[in-house]
Amino acid sequence: MGTTNQAIRDRWIADLCIHVADRSETGSWMVAVRHSGDAVTFGALEAAINDYRRIVGTHGMSLESALTGALLHTAPSLVDLEPAERASVVDQMIRWLGRDVAAAPAVTAAPTLRSVG
């Protein structure tokens, strides 16, 4: 993934985490995602994101790592899946959570200087 694409993804993940926090504030009891027998509420997901955000931040990891860790923590049935399937399911959960989050605007390069004569 290029630097620009990664910056766009990082912004979208940040917006998604804000969206989860907003949903938690208005309805922490509401189910955010489900997997097998696990029903993850917005409140539990927000709390886990905040906990993992502190952990990954001290190791220089991304907010997306915190979100992934939070999903694995709050939906323990994910651990029983094969790695490729687990990655696919977590990706589907993130897409589902972000279905109402607008795509991050493209990151544009800094304007270039030009001489006028």
Protein backbone atom coordinates (compact mmCIF):
# COMPACT_ATOMS: atom_id res chain seq x y z
CA MET A 1 0.00 0.00 0.00
CA GLY A 2 1.41 3.39 -0.94
CA THR A 3 2.01 6.17 1.54
CA THR A 4 -1.01 8.14 0.28
CA ASN A 5 -3.29 5.11 0.44
CA GLN A 6 -2.06 4.31 3.95
CA ALA A 7 -2.72 7.88 5.07
CA ILE A 8 -6.26 7.64 3.69
CA ARG A 9 -6.80 4.30 5.44
CA ASP A 10 -5.40 5.66 8.73
CA ARG A 11 -7.78 8.65 8.57
CA TRP A 12 -10.74 6.36 7.84
CA ILE A 13 -9.85 4.08 10.77
CA ALA A 14 -9.60 7.16 13.04
CA ASP A 15 -13.04 8.30 11.82
CA LEU A 16 -14.38 4.79 12.40
CA CYS A 17 -13.13 4.78 15.99
CA ILE A 18 -14.81 8.16 16.54
CA HIS A 19 -18.00 6.69 15.07
CA VAL A 20 -17.81 3.73 17.50
CA ALA A 21 -17.28 6.15 20.41
CA ASP A 22 -20.26 8.26 19.31
CA ARG A 23 -22.46 5.17 19.01
CA SER A 24 -21.28 4.01 22.42
CA GLU A 25 -22.20 7.35 23.95
CA THR A 26 -25.77 7.17 22.67
CA GLY A 27 -26.34 3.41 22.94
CA SER A 28 -23.53 1.50 24.58
CA TRP A 29 -25.83 -1.51 24.97
CA MET A 30 -26.46 -1.81 21.21
CA VAL A 31 -24.76 -4.65 19.36
CA ALA A 32 -22.02 -3.43 17.04
CA VAL A 33 -21.00 -6.79 15.52
CA ARG A 34 -21.71 -10.47 16.01
CA HIS A 35 -19.69 -13.60 15.38
CA SER A 36 -20.70 -17.13 16.27
CA GLY A 37 -22.10 -16.77 19.79
CA ASP A 38 -20.40 -13.44 20.47
CA ALA A 39 -22.41 -10.20 20.44
CA VAL A 40 -20.10 -7.21 20.83
CA THR A 41 -21.74 -4.02 22.07
CA PHE A 42 -20.57 -0.55 21.16
CA GLY A 43 -19.73 0.09 24.81
CA ALA A 44 -17.53 -3.00 25.12
CA LEU A 45 -15.85 -2.30 21.79
CA GLU A 46 -15.11 1.32 22.67
CA ALA A 47 -13.65 0.33 26.04
CA ALA A 48 -11.47 -2.33 24.40
CA ILE A 49 -10.29 0.08 21.67
CA ASN A 50 -9.26 2.58 24.34
CA ASP A 51 -7.42 -0.12 26.32
CA TYR A 52 -5.62 -1.42 23.24
CA ARG A 53 -4.89 2.10 22.01
CA ARG A 54 -2.71 2.64 25.08
CA ILE A 55 -0.92 -0.66 24.56
CA VAL A 56 -0.23 -0.29 20.84
CA GLY A 57 0.71 3.37 21.27
CA THR A 58 3.59 2.48 23.56
CA HIS A 59 4.91 0.11 20.89
CA GLY A 60 4.48 2.51 17.97
CA MET A 61 1.70 0.48 16.38
CA SER A 62 -1.30 1.82 14.51
CA LEU A 63 -4.84 2.61 15.62
CA GLU A 64 -5.97 -0.16 13.28
CA SER A 65 -3.94 -2.56 15.45
CA ALA A 66 -5.90 -1.34 18.47
CA LEU A 67 -9.18 -1.87 16.64
CA THR A 68 -8.15 -5.37 15.55
CA GLY A 69 -7.02 -6.25 19.07
CA ALA A 70 -10.28 -4.92 20.48
CA LEU A 71 -12.33 -7.05 18.10
CA LEU A 72 -10.32 -10.16 18.96
CA HIS A 73 -10.71 -9.40 22.67
CA THR A 74 -14.44 -8.76 22.59
CA ALA A 75 -15.28 -11.61 20.20
CA PRO A 76 -13.18 -14.50 21.57
CA SER A 77 -14.67 -16.99 19.09
CA LEU A 78 -12.47 -15.36 16.43
CA VAL A 79 -9.41 -16.97 18.00
CA ASP A 80 -10.71 -20.43 17.04
CA LEU A 81 -10.59 -19.60 13.31
CA GLU A 82 -7.71 -20.37 11.00
CA PRO A 83 -5.50 -17.28 10.51
CA ALA A 84 -6.66 -16.50 6.94
CA GLU A 85 -10.31 -16.90 7.88
CA ARG A 86 -9.80 -14.83 11.05
CA ALA A 87 -8.26 -12.02 9.00
CA SER A 88 -11.16 -12.15 6.56
CA VAL A 89 -13.79 -12.07 9.31
CA VAL A 90 -12.06 -9.18 11.12
CA ASP A 91 -11.89 -7.29 7.81
CA GLN A 92 -15.63 -7.91 7.30
CA MET A 93 -16.36 -6.67 10.82
CA ILE A 94 -14.36 -3.50 10.23
CA ARG A 95 -16.16 -2.90 6.93
CA TRP A 96 -19.53 -3.47 8.65
CA LEU A 97 -18.68 -1.08 11.47
CA GLY A 98 -17.54 1.50 8.94
CA ARG A 99 -20.49 1.21 6.59
CA ASP A 100 -21.78 4.63 7.66
CA VAL A 101 -18.37 6.30 7.84
CA ALA A 102 -17.59 8.43 4.81
CA ALA A 103 -14.45 7.61 2.92
CA ALA A 104 -11.55 9.76 3.97
CA PRO A 105 -10.72 12.48 1.46
CA ALA A 106 -7.69 11.83 -0.68
CA VAL A 107 -4.45 13.16 0.67
CA THR A 108 -3.09 15.71 -1.74
CA ALA A 109 0.48 16.69 -2.25
CA ALA A 110 1.65 20.07 -1.04
CA PRO A 111 1.27 22.77 -3.69
CA THR A 112 4.35 23.40 -5.73
CA LEU A 113 5.96 26.79 -6.10
CA ARG A 114 6.22 28.37 -9.51
CA SER A 115 7.76 31.52 -10.70
CA VAL A 116 5.73 34.18 -12.42
CA GLY A 117 7.52 36.47 -14.74
